[in-house]
Amino acid sequence: MRFYFATSPAFPRALRLRLAAVCAAATNLPLLVWLGGSVATDGVAPGPFVALTLASLMGTAIALFGSGAVLAGLPWRRNGAPR
């Protein structure tokens, strides 16, 4: 719960949206680091950029699907708040 409250100002209020934001940020971080390094050194090569972008998007989809499956087993109230 400490992580939940610590990220309150930075992420959406709903738990599912917060988890989606964390998953998207975590799976796309390597792409952003690679992109920054490529720009700083010699420029962005289109082939690796497309491959890494597709891999990041697939990783994001897998993480969101997995976290959604985990959250599906939790009891929820009608307004979306956990019981």
PDB file of N, CA and C in Angstrom:
ATOM      1  N   MET A   1       0.820  -1.197   0.000  1.00  0.00           N
ATOM      2  CA  MET A   1       0.000   0.000   0.000  1.00  0.00           C
ATOM      3  C   MET A   1       0.863   1.260   0.000  1.00  0.00           C
ATOM      4  N   ARG A   2       2.080   1.153   0.509  1.00  0.00           N
ATOM      5  CA  ARG A   2       2.944   2.333   0.516  1.00  0.00           C
ATOM      6  C   ARG A   2       3.222   2.795  -0.910  1.00  0.00           C
ATOM      7  N   PHE A   3       3.456   1.835  -1.814  1.00  0.00           N
ATOM      8  CA  PHE A   3       3.691   2.199  -3.208  1.00  0.00           C
ATOM      9  C   PHE A   3       2.443   2.850  -3.806  1.00  0.00           C
ATOM     10  N   TYR A   4       1.279   2.330  -3.478  1.00  0.00           N
ATOM     11  CA  TYR A   4       0.012   2.875  -3.991  1.00  0.00           C
ATOM     12  C   TYR A   4      -0.144   4.333  -3.578  1.00  0.00           C
ATOM     13  N   PHE A   5       0.105   4.626  -2.301  1.00  0.00           N
ATOM     14  CA  PHE A   5      -0.042   5.996  -1.822  1.00  0.00           C
ATOM     15  C   PHE A   5       1.101   6.898  -2.297  1.00  0.00           C
ATOM     16  N   ALA A   6       2.290   6.332  -2.450  1.00  0.00           N
ATOM     17  CA  ALA A   6       3.426   7.134  -2.897  1.00  0.00           C
ATOM     18  C   ALA A   6       3.264   7.588  -4.345  1.00  0.00           C
ATOM     19  N   THR A   7       2.578   6.792  -5.154  1.00  0.00           N
ATOM     20  CA  THR A   7       2.391   7.147  -6.560  1.00  0.00           C
ATOM     21  C   THR A   7       1.084   7.897  -6.803  1.00  0.00           C
ATOM     22  N   SER A   8       0.382   8.261  -5.779  1.00  0.00           N
ATOM     23  CA  SER A   8      -0.905   8.946  -5.938  1.00  0.00           C
ATOM     24  C   SER A   8      -0.829  10.217  -6.778  1.00  0.00           C
ATOM     25  N   PRO A   9       0.135  11.090  -6.558  1.00  0.00           N
ATOM     26  CA  PRO A   9       0.146  12.318  -7.365  1.00  0.00           C
ATOM     27  C   PRO A   9       0.535  12.086  -8.824  1.00  0.00           C
ATOM     28  N   ALA A  10       1.274  11.027  -9.117  1.00  0.00           N
ATOM     29  CA  ALA A  10       1.807  10.846 -10.459  1.00  0.00           C
ATOM     30  C   ALA A  10       0.910  10.021 -11.377  1.00  0.00           C
ATOM     31  N   PHE A  11       0.040   9.199 -10.824  1.00  0.00           N
ATOM     32  CA  PHE A  11      -0.743   8.276 -11.642  1.00  0.00           C
ATOM     33  C   PHE A  11      -2.237   8.465 -11.380  1.00  0.00           C
ATOM     34  N   PRO A  12      -3.074   7.898 -12.252  1.00  0.00           N
ATOM     35  CA  PRO A  12      -4.527   8.003 -12.065  1.00  0.00           C
ATOM     36  C   PRO A  12      -4.978   7.402 -10.733  1.00  0.00           C
ATOM     37  N   ARG A  13      -6.169   7.785 -10.295  1.00  0.00           N
ATOM     38  CA  ARG A  13      -6.684   7.354  -8.995  1.00  0.00           C
ATOM     39  C   ARG A  13      -7.124   5.888  -8.991  1.00  0.00           C
ATOM     40  N   ALA A  14      -7.720   5.421 -10.088  1.00  0.00           N
ATOM     41  CA  ALA A  14      -8.228   4.049 -10.151  1.00  0.00           C
ATOM     42  C   ALA A  14      -7.058   3.055 -10.177  1.00  0.00           C
ATOM     43  N   LEU A  15      -7.202   1.969  -9.452  1.00  0.00           N
ATOM     44  CA  LEU A  15      -6.144   0.975  -9.342  1.00  0.00           C
ATOM     45  C   LEU A  15      -5.796   0.370 -10.696  1.00  0.00           C
ATOM     46  N   ARG A  16      -6.799   0.031 -11.496  1.00  0.00           N
ATOM     47  CA  ARG A  16      -6.531  -0.565 -12.813  1.00  0.00           C
ATOM     48  C   ARG A  16      -5.784   0.409 -13.723  1.00  0.00           C
ATOM     49  N   LEU A  17      -6.175   1.672 -13.727  1.00  0.00           N
ATOM     50  CA  LEU A  17      -5.481   2.657 -14.553  1.00  0.00           C
ATOM     51  C   LEU A  17      -4.067   2.901 -14.049  1.00  0.00           C
ATOM     52  N   ARG A  18      -3.904   2.897 -12.741  1.00  0.00           N
ATOM     53  CA  ARG A  18      -2.575   3.088 -12.156  1.00  0.00           C
ATOM     54  C   ARG A  18      -1.662   1.925 -12.540  1.00  0.00           C
ATOM     55  N   LEU A  19      -2.195   0.716 -12.466  1.00  0.00           N
ATOM     56  CA  LEU A  19      -1.413  -0.456 -12.843  1.00  0.00           C
ATOM     57  C   LEU A  19      -1.070  -0.424 -14.323  1.00  0.00           C
ATOM     58  N   ALA A  20      -2.007   0.022 -15.145  1.00  0.00           N
ATOM     59  CA  ALA A  20      -1.748   0.136 -16.582  1.00  0.00           C
ATOM     60  C   ALA A  20      -0.648   1.155 -16.852  1.00  0.00           C
ATOM     61  N   ALA A  21      -0.665   2.269 -16.150  1.00  0.00           N
ATOM     62  CA  ALA A  21       0.371   3.293 -16.332  1.00  0.00           C
ATOM     63  C   ALA A  21       1.738   2.783 -15.901  1.00  0.00           C
ATOM     64  N   VAL A  22       1.797   2.059 -14.788  1.00  0.00           N
ATOM     65  CA  VAL A  22       3.066   1.508 -14.320  1.00  0.00           C
ATOM     66  C   VAL A  22       3.591   0.465 -15.303  1.00  0.00           C
ATOM     67  N   CYS A  23       2.715  -0.404 -15.809  1.00  0.00           N
ATOM     68  CA  CYS A  23       3.130  -1.422 -16.783  1.00  0.00           C
ATOM     69  C   CYS A  23       3.646  -0.769 -18.061  1.00  0.00           C
ATOM     70  N   ALA A  24       2.937   0.221 -18.561  1.00  0.00           N
ATOM     71  CA  ALA A  24       3.358   0.890 -19.794  1.00  0.00           C
ATOM     72  C   ALA A  24       4.691   1.604 -19.595  1.00  0.00           C
ATOM     73  N   ALA A  25       4.855   2.280 -18.478  1.00  0.00           N
ATOM     74  CA  ALA A  25       6.114   2.986 -18.221  1.00  0.00           C
ATOM     75  C   ALA A  25       7.270   2.002 -18.067  1.00  0.00           C
ATOM     76  N   ALA A  26       7.051   0.917 -17.355  1.00  0.00           N
ATOM     77  CA  ALA A  26       8.132  -0.042 -17.106  1.00  0.00           C
ATOM     78  C   ALA A  26       8.543  -0.787 -18.370  1.00  0.00           C
ATOM     79  N   THR A  27       7.601  -1.150 -19.210  1.00  0.00           N
ATOM     80  CA  THR A  27       7.959  -1.909 -20.402  1.00  0.00           C
ATOM     81  C   THR A  27       8.499  -1.022 -21.512  1.00  0.00           C
ATOM     82  N   ASN A  28       8.215   0.257 -21.488  1.00  0.00           N
ATOM     83  CA  ASN A  28       8.734   1.158 -22.514  1.00  0.00           C
ATOM     84  C   ASN A  28      10.012   1.877 -22.091  1.00  0.00           C
ATOM     85  N   LEU A  29      10.425   1.731 -20.865  1.00  0.00           N
ATOM     86  CA  LEU A  29      11.643   2.384 -20.389  1.00  0.00           C
ATOM     87  C   LEU A  29      12.889   1.942 -21.165  1.00  0.00           C
ATOM     88  N   PRO A  30      13.088   0.645 -21.431  1.00  0.00           N
ATOM     89  CA  PRO A  30      14.265   0.267 -22.222  1.00  0.00           C
ATOM     90  C   PRO A  30      14.280   0.900 -23.621  1.00  0.00           C
ATOM     91  N   LEU A  31      13.123   1.032 -24.239  1.00  0.00           N
ATOM     92  CA  LEU A  31      13.050   1.674 -25.553  1.00  0.00           C
ATOM     93  C   LEU A  31      13.481   3.134 -25.450  1.00  0.00           C
ATOM     94  N   LEU A  32      13.013   3.826 -24.434  1.00  0.00           N
ATOM     95  CA  LEU A  32      13.373   5.233 -24.277  1.00  0.00           C
ATOM     96  C   LEU A  32      14.859   5.409 -23.981  1.00  0.00           C
ATOM     97  N   VAL A  33      15.431   4.507 -23.187  1.00  0.00           N
ATOM     98  CA  VAL A  33      16.869   4.569 -22.904  1.00  0.00           C
ATOM     99  C   VAL A  33      17.663   4.322 -24.182  1.00  0.00           C
ATOM    100  N   TRP A  34      17.273   3.324 -24.962  1.00  0.00           N
ATOM    101  CA  TRP A  34      17.955   3.042 -26.226  1.00  0.00           C
ATOM    102  C   TRP A  34      17.837   4.232 -27.176  1.00  0.00           C
ATOM    103  N   LEU A  35      16.643   4.813 -27.247  1.00  0.00           N
ATOM    104  CA  LEU A  35      16.419   5.946 -28.130  1.00  0.00           C
ATOM    105  C   LEU A  35      17.299   7.125 -27.726  1.00  0.00           C
ATOM    106  N   GLY A  36      17.382   7.394 -26.432  1.00  0.00           N
ATOM    107  CA  GLY A  36      18.233   8.486 -25.950  1.00  0.00           C
ATOM    108  C   GLY A  36      19.700   8.230 -26.254  1.00  0.00           C
ATOM    109  N   GLY A  37      20.145   7.001 -26.053  1.00  0.00           N
ATOM    110  CA  GLY A  37      21.529   6.659 -26.365  1.00  0.00           C
ATOM    111  C   GLY A  37      21.830   6.754 -27.846  1.00  0.00           C
ATOM    112  N   SER A  38      20.888   6.345 -28.675  1.00  0.00           N
ATOM    113  CA  SER A  38      21.083   6.409 -30.128  1.00  0.00           C
ATOM    114  C   SER A  38      21.162   7.847 -30.615  1.00  0.00           C
ATOM    115  N   VAL A  39      20.301   8.680 -30.095  1.00  0.00           N
ATOM    116  CA  VAL A  39      20.309  10.086 -30.494  1.00  0.00           C
ATOM    117  C   VAL A  39      21.606  10.751 -30.034  1.00  0.00           C
ATOM    118  N   ALA A  40      22.078  10.398 -28.842  1.00  0.00           N
ATOM    119  CA  ALA A  40      23.289  11.014 -28.300  1.00  0.00           C
ATOM    120  C   ALA A  40      24.552  10.580 -29.046  1.00  0.00           C
ATOM    121  N   THR A  41      24.551   9.388 -29.616  1.00  0.00           N
ATOM    122  CA  THR A  41      25.785   8.895 -30.248  1.00  0.00           C
ATOM    123  C   THR A  41      25.808   9.143 -31.751  1.00  0.00           C
ATOM    124  N   ASP A  42      24.971   8.447 -32.511  1.00  0.00           N
ATOM    125  CA  ASP A  42      25.110   8.572 -33.961  1.00  0.00           C
ATOM    126  C   ASP A  42      23.789   8.652 -34.720  1.00  0.00           C
ATOM    127  N   GLY A  43      22.712   8.742 -34.065  1.00  0.00           N
ATOM    128  CA  GLY A  43      21.429   8.810 -34.754  1.00  0.00           C
ATOM    129  C   GLY A  43      20.651   7.508 -34.625  1.00  0.00           C
ATOM    130  N   VAL A  44      19.382   7.576 -34.921  1.00  0.00           N
ATOM    131  CA  VAL A  44      18.481   6.445 -34.737  1.00  0.00           C
ATOM    132  C   VAL A  44      18.410   5.633 -36.028  1.00  0.00           C
ATOM    133  N   ALA A  45      18.713   4.356 -35.932  1.00  0.00           N
ATOM    134  CA  ALA A  45      18.568   3.453 -37.072  1.00  0.00           C
ATOM    135  C   ALA A  45      17.115   2.992 -37.134  1.00  0.00           C
ATOM    136  N   PRO A  46      16.462   3.122 -38.277  1.00  0.00           N
ATOM    137  CA  PRO A  46      15.032   2.801 -38.357  1.00  0.00           C
ATOM    138  C   PRO A  46      14.699   1.339 -38.081  1.00  0.00           C
ATOM    139  N   GLY A  47      15.529   0.413 -38.539  1.00  0.00           N
ATOM    140  CA  GLY A  47      15.241  -1.011 -38.351  1.00  0.00           C
ATOM    141  C   GLY A  47      15.171  -1.412 -36.883  1.00  0.00           C
ATOM    142  N   PRO A  48      16.227  -1.163 -36.111  1.00  0.00           N
ATOM    143  CA  PRO A  48      16.173  -1.508 -34.687  1.00  0.00           C
ATOM    144  C   PRO A  48      15.099  -0.730 -33.929  1.00  0.00           C
ATOM    145  N   PHE A  49      14.858   0.521 -34.348  1.00  0.00           N
ATOM    146  CA  PHE A  49      13.832   1.304 -33.669  1.00  0.00           C
ATOM    147  C   PHE A  49      12.453   0.659 -33.832  1.00  0.00           C
ATOM    148  N   VAL A  50      12.136   0.234 -35.044  1.00  0.00           N
ATOM    149  CA  VAL A  50      10.837  -0.409 -35.288  1.00  0.00           C
ATOM    150  C   VAL A  50      10.749  -1.723 -34.519  1.00  0.00           C
ATOM    151  N   ALA A  51      11.825  -2.513 -34.544  1.00  0.00           N
ATOM    152  CA  ALA A  51      11.818  -3.794 -33.835  1.00  0.00           C
ATOM    153  C   ALA A  51      11.645  -3.593 -32.329  1.00  0.00           C
ATOM    154  N   LEU A  52      12.372  -2.644 -31.761  1.00  0.00           N
ATOM    155  CA  LEU A  52      12.254  -2.387 -30.321  1.00  0.00           C
ATOM    156  C   LEU A  52      10.895  -1.796 -29.954  1.00  0.00           C
ATOM    157  N   THR A  53      10.338  -0.960 -30.827  1.00  0.00           N
ATOM    158  CA  THR A  53       9.010  -0.397 -30.556  1.00  0.00           C
ATOM    159  C   THR A  53       7.949  -1.498 -30.554  1.00  0.00           C
ATOM    160  N   LEU A  54       8.010  -2.389 -31.527  1.00  0.00           N
ATOM    161  CA  LEU A  54       7.045  -3.499 -31.578  1.00  0.00           C
ATOM    162  C   LEU A  54       7.210  -4.425 -30.372  1.00  0.00           C
ATOM    163  N   ALA A  55       8.459  -4.702 -29.989  1.00  0.00           N
ATOM    164  CA  ALA A  55       8.691  -5.546 -28.822  1.00  0.00           C
ATOM    165  C   ALA A  55       8.182  -4.873 -27.552  1.00  0.00           C
ATOM    166  N   SER A  56       8.368  -3.570 -27.436  1.00  0.00           N
ATOM    167  CA  SER A  56       7.868  -2.849 -26.260  1.00  0.00           C
ATOM    168  C   SER A  56       6.349  -2.857 -26.208  1.00  0.00           C
ATOM    169  N   LEU A  57       5.719  -2.681 -27.362  1.00  0.00           N
ATOM    170  CA  LEU A  57       4.252  -2.702 -27.391  1.00  0.00           C
ATOM    171  C   LEU A  57       3.707  -4.082 -27.055  1.00  0.00           C
ATOM    172  N   MET A  58       4.366  -5.135 -27.545  1.00  0.00           N
ATOM    173  CA  MET A  58       3.936  -6.489 -27.194  1.00  0.00           C
ATOM    174  C   MET A  58       4.153  -6.750 -25.699  1.00  0.00           C
ATOM    175  N   GLY A  59       5.269  -6.284 -25.160  1.00  0.00           N
ATOM    176  CA  GLY A  59       5.522  -6.426 -23.729  1.00  0.00           C
ATOM    177  C   GLY A  59       4.491  -5.690 -22.900  1.00  0.00           C
ATOM    178  N   THR A  60       4.107  -4.506 -23.338  1.00  0.00           N
ATOM    179  CA  THR A  60       3.068  -3.746 -22.639  1.00  0.00           C
ATOM    180  C   THR A  60       1.746  -4.501 -22.667  1.00  0.00           C
ATOM    181  N   ALA A  61       1.384  -5.040 -23.826  1.00  0.00           N
ATOM    182  CA  ALA A  61       0.130  -5.794 -23.944  1.00  0.00           C
ATOM    183  C   ALA A  61       0.143  -7.026 -23.044  1.00  0.00           C
ATOM    184  N   ILE A  62       1.254  -7.738 -23.015  1.00  0.00           N
ATOM    185  CA  ILE A  62       1.353  -8.923 -22.158  1.00  0.00           C
ATOM    186  C   ILE A  62       1.251  -8.543 -20.691  1.00  0.00           C
ATOM    187  N   ALA A  63       1.943  -7.468 -20.297  1.00  0.00           N
ATOM    188  CA  ALA A  63       1.896  -7.030 -18.897  1.00  0.00           C
ATOM    189  C   ALA A  63       0.484  -6.589 -18.500  1.00  0.00           C
ATOM    190  N   LEU A  64      -0.190  -5.867 -19.388  1.00  0.00           N
ATOM    191  CA  LEU A  64      -1.552  -5.420 -19.078  1.00  0.00           C
ATOM    192  C   LEU A  64      -2.526  -6.591 -19.019  1.00  0.00           C
ATOM    193  N   PHE A  65      -2.384  -7.533 -19.934  1.00  0.00           N
ATOM    194  CA  PHE A  65      -3.248  -8.708 -19.918  1.00  0.00           C
ATOM    195  C   PHE A  65      -3.014  -9.517 -18.649  1.00  0.00           C
ATOM    196  N   GLY A  66      -1.757  -9.706 -18.283  1.00  0.00           N
ATOM    197  CA  GLY A  66      -1.439 -10.470 -17.071  1.00  0.00           C
ATOM    198  C   GLY A  66      -1.932  -9.790 -15.814  1.00  0.00           C
ATOM    199  N   SER A  67      -1.734  -8.480 -15.716  1.00  0.00           N
ATOM    200  CA  SER A  67      -2.204  -7.789 -14.513  1.00  0.00           C
ATOM    201  C   SER A  67      -3.729  -7.747 -14.475  1.00  0.00           C
ATOM    202  N   GLY A  68      -4.365  -7.655 -15.648  1.00  0.00           N
ATOM    203  CA  GLY A  68      -5.829  -7.710 -15.682  1.00  0.00           C
ATOM    204  C   GLY A  68      -6.356  -9.059 -15.236  1.00  0.00           C
ATOM    205  N   ALA A  69      -5.650 -10.124 -15.603  1.00  0.00           N
ATOM    206  CA  ALA A  69      -6.055 -11.459 -15.181  1.00  0.00           C
ATOM    207  C   ALA A  69      -5.888 -11.632 -13.672  1.00  0.00           C
ATOM    208  N   VAL A  70      -4.832 -11.054 -13.125  1.00  0.00           N
ATOM    209  CA  VAL A  70      -4.625 -11.127 -11.670  1.00  0.00           C
ATOM    210  C   VAL A  70      -5.706 -10.329 -10.948  1.00  0.00           C
ATOM    211  N   LEU A  71      -6.020  -9.141 -11.457  1.00  0.00           N
ATOM    212  CA  LEU A  71      -7.024  -8.302 -10.811  1.00  0.00           C
ATOM    213  C   LEU A  71      -8.436  -8.849 -10.972  1.00  0.00           C
ATOM    214  N   ALA A  72      -8.661  -9.679 -11.984  1.00  0.00           N
ATOM    215  CA  ALA A  72     -10.000 -10.221 -12.216  1.00  0.00           C
ATOM    216  C   ALA A  72     -10.457 -11.100 -11.058  1.00  0.00           C
ATOM    217  N   GLY A  73      -9.513 -11.681 -10.334  1.00  0.00           N
ATOM    218  CA  GLY A  73      -9.872 -12.538  -9.210  1.00  0.00           C
ATOM    219  C   GLY A  73     -10.189 -11.784  -7.929  1.00  0.00           C
ATOM    220  N   LEU A  74      -9.943 -10.477  -7.914  1.00  0.00           N
ATOM    221  CA  LEU A  74     -10.207  -9.691  -6.711  1.00  0.00           C
ATOM    222  C   LEU A  74     -11.682  -9.279  -6.648  1.00  0.00           C
ATOM    223  N   PRO A  75     -12.223  -9.215  -5.460  1.00  0.00           N
ATOM    224  CA  PRO A  75     -13.619  -8.753  -5.340  1.00  0.00           C
ATOM    225  C   PRO A  75     -13.692  -7.236  -5.550  1.00  0.00           C
ATOM    226  N   TRP A  76     -14.637  -6.793  -6.377  1.00  0.00           N
ATOM    227  CA  TRP A  76     -14.805  -5.367  -6.664  1.00  0.00           C
ATOM    228  C   TRP A  76     -16.227  -4.941  -6.355  1.00  0.00           C
ATOM    229  N   ARG A  77     -16.366  -3.712  -5.896  1.00  0.00           N
ATOM    230  CA  ARG A  77     -17.688  -3.113  -5.703  1.00  0.00           C
ATOM    231  C   ARG A  77     -18.179  -2.555  -7.034  1.00  0.00           C
ATOM    232  N   ARG A  78     -19.379  -2.082  -7.034  1.00  0.00           N
ATOM    233  CA  ARG A  78     -19.953  -1.546  -8.273  1.00  0.00           C
ATOM    234  C   ARG A  78     -19.221  -0.298  -8.750  1.00  0.00           C
ATOM    235  N   ASN A  79     -18.726   0.520  -7.837  1.00  0.00           N
ATOM    236  CA  ASN A  79     -18.060   1.757  -8.242  1.00  0.00           C
ATOM    237  C   ASN A  79     -16.592   1.534  -8.627  1.00  0.00           C
ATOM    238  N   GLY A  80     -16.112   0.298  -8.626  1.00  0.00           N
ATOM    239  CA  GLY A  80     -14.764  -0.005  -9.042  1.00  0.00           C
ATOM    240  C   GLY A  80     -13.741  -0.045  -7.932  1.00  0.00           C
ATOM    241  N   ALA A  81     -14.149   0.305  -6.724  1.00  0.00           N
ATOM    242  CA  ALA A  81     -13.213   0.285  -5.598  1.00  0.00           C
ATOM    243  C   ALA A  81     -13.120  -1.131  -5.020  1.00  0.00           C
ATOM    244  N   PRO A  82     -11.930  -1.531  -4.563  1.00  0.00           N
ATOM    245  CA  PRO A  82     -11.811  -2.861  -3.954  1.00  0.00           C
ATOM    246  C   PRO A  82     -12.578  -2.920  -2.650  1.00  0.00           C
ATOM    247  N   ARG A  83     -13.048  -4.107  -2.310  1.00  0.00           N
ATOM    248  CA  ARG A  83     -13.811  -4.279  -1.062  1.00  0.00           C
ATOM    249  C   ARG A  83     -12.910  -4.373   0.131  1.00  0.00           C
TER     250      ARG A  83
END
